[in-house]
Amino acid sequence: MDERSAQRRSGRPGVHDTWRLILLIVTVIAVVKELRKPAEERTWHGKVADFVPYDFRKPTAERLRRTYWNPEGPILSGKVWGVGWAPNLGVVMRLARRSSSVSG
């Protein structure tokens, strides 16, 4: 029996459940933050507590590219849609190439 099955049977929340609850709370906070603004000032993107990024705008091809494949950007950026961070694979590949050329 794996750990998750044991936790479900015991009724104890696991790390996954805790993470989902935190994500739900941050999402609610972000939506409430936007709804408290006058309608013309709502941007549907920003940060909760100046830390956790959120973006509820319709995703675009440009934002997808800038988020997931921007070799000159940060290694983590806000998700294209939703709450939290997304990996920038362009930076990961650049760092991997640099690492292999240095060690090779």
Protein backbone atom coordinates (compact mmCIF):
# COMPACT_ATOMS: atom_id res chain seq x y z
CA MET A 1 0.00 0.00 0.00
CA ASP A 2 1.45 3.37 -0.97
CA GLU A 3 1.56 6.44 1.28
CA ARG A 4 -1.25 8.29 -0.52
CA SER A 5 -3.59 5.30 -0.18
CA ALA A 6 -2.77 5.06 3.52
CA GLN A 7 -3.45 8.78 3.99
CA ARG A 8 -6.80 8.52 2.20
CA ARG A 9 -7.84 5.61 4.38
CA SER A 10 -6.72 7.34 7.57
CA GLY A 11 -8.49 10.56 6.62
CA ARG A 12 -5.30 12.58 7.08
CA PRO A 13 -4.52 15.16 4.43
CA GLY A 14 -1.29 14.67 2.54
CA VAL A 15 1.11 17.19 1.05
CA HIS A 16 -0.82 17.12 -2.23
CA ASP A 17 -4.07 17.99 -0.43
CA THR A 18 -2.37 20.81 1.48
CA TRP A 19 -0.89 22.23 -1.72
CA ARG A 20 -4.28 22.12 -3.45
CA LEU A 21 -5.87 23.96 -0.51
CA ILE A 22 -3.18 26.67 -0.59
CA LEU A 23 -3.63 27.05 -4.35
CA LEU A 24 -7.40 27.37 -3.92
CA ILE A 25 -7.00 30.01 -1.20
CA VAL A 26 -4.55 32.06 -3.28
CA THR A 27 -6.88 31.81 -6.29
CA VAL A 28 -9.83 33.08 -4.25
CA ILE A 29 -7.72 35.94 -2.88
CA ALA A 30 -6.67 36.91 -6.43
CA VAL A 31 -10.25 36.88 -7.74
CA VAL A 32 -11.53 38.88 -4.75
CA LYS A 33 -8.67 41.37 -5.24
CA GLU A 34 -9.76 41.94 -8.84
CA LEU A 35 -13.49 42.10 -8.03
CA ARG A 36 -12.88 44.79 -5.39
CA LYS A 37 -11.53 47.10 -8.08
CA PRO A 38 -13.91 49.17 -10.20
CA ALA A 39 -14.74 47.24 -13.38
CA GLU A 40 -12.70 49.57 -15.60
CA GLU A 41 -9.58 49.06 -13.45
CA ARG A 42 -9.63 45.24 -13.41
CA THR A 43 -6.64 43.76 -15.19
CA TRP A 44 -7.10 40.13 -14.10
CA HIS A 45 -3.37 39.73 -13.60
CA GLY A 46 -0.97 40.71 -10.83
CA LYS A 47 0.45 39.27 -7.63
CA VAL A 48 -1.06 38.12 -4.34
CA ALA A 49 0.88 39.57 -1.40
CA ASP A 50 3.46 40.93 -3.89
CA PHE A 51 4.74 37.37 -4.27
CA VAL A 52 2.45 34.83 -6.00
CA PRO A 53 1.66 35.76 -9.61
CA TYR A 54 -1.77 35.24 -11.14
CA ASP A 55 -3.18 35.77 -14.61
CA PHE A 56 -6.80 35.11 -15.56
CA ARG A 57 -6.67 36.77 -18.98
CA LYS A 58 -7.25 34.74 -22.13
CA PRO A 59 -3.89 33.15 -23.07
CA THR A 60 -2.18 34.41 -26.20
CA ALA A 61 0.53 32.87 -28.36
CA GLU A 62 2.90 35.70 -27.41
CA ARG A 63 2.39 35.15 -23.66
CA LEU A 64 2.85 31.39 -24.14
CA ARG A 65 6.15 31.97 -25.94
CA ARG A 66 7.34 34.60 -23.45
CA THR A 67 6.48 32.35 -20.49
CA TYR A 68 7.69 28.94 -21.67
CA TRP A 69 10.40 29.76 -24.23
CA ASN A 70 12.29 32.97 -23.50
CA PRO A 71 16.03 32.21 -23.23
CA GLU A 72 16.71 35.76 -22.01
CA GLY A 73 13.95 35.81 -19.37
CA PRO A 74 13.79 34.53 -15.80
CA ILE A 75 13.88 30.79 -15.10
CA LEU A 76 10.43 31.04 -13.45
CA SER A 77 7.66 33.40 -14.47
CA GLY A 78 3.96 33.69 -13.82
CA LYS A 79 1.76 31.10 -15.50
CA VAL A 80 0.06 31.99 -18.77
CA TRP A 81 -3.27 31.26 -17.06
CA GLY A 82 -3.87 30.60 -13.39
CA VAL A 83 -1.95 31.07 -10.17
CA GLY A 84 1.72 30.35 -9.53
CA TRP A 85 4.87 29.98 -11.56
CA ALA A 86 5.82 28.26 -14.80
CA PRO A 87 9.25 27.02 -15.92
CA ASN A 88 10.93 28.91 -18.74
CA LEU A 89 12.28 26.04 -20.83
CA GLY A 90 14.32 28.40 -22.98
CA VAL A 91 16.45 29.34 -19.97
CA VAL A 92 16.69 25.70 -18.87
CA MET A 93 18.01 24.72 -22.31
CA ARG A 94 20.45 27.65 -22.39
CA LEU A 95 21.82 26.71 -18.97
CA ALA A 96 22.04 23.02 -19.96
CA ARG A 97 23.99 23.90 -23.12
CA ARG A 98 26.33 26.17 -21.18
CA SER A 99 26.86 23.46 -18.56
CA SER A 100 27.62 20.78 -21.15
CA SER A 101 30.04 23.02 -23.07
CA VAL A 102 31.92 23.89 -19.87
CA SER A 103 32.20 20.26 -18.71
CA GLY A 104 32.90 18.86 -22.20
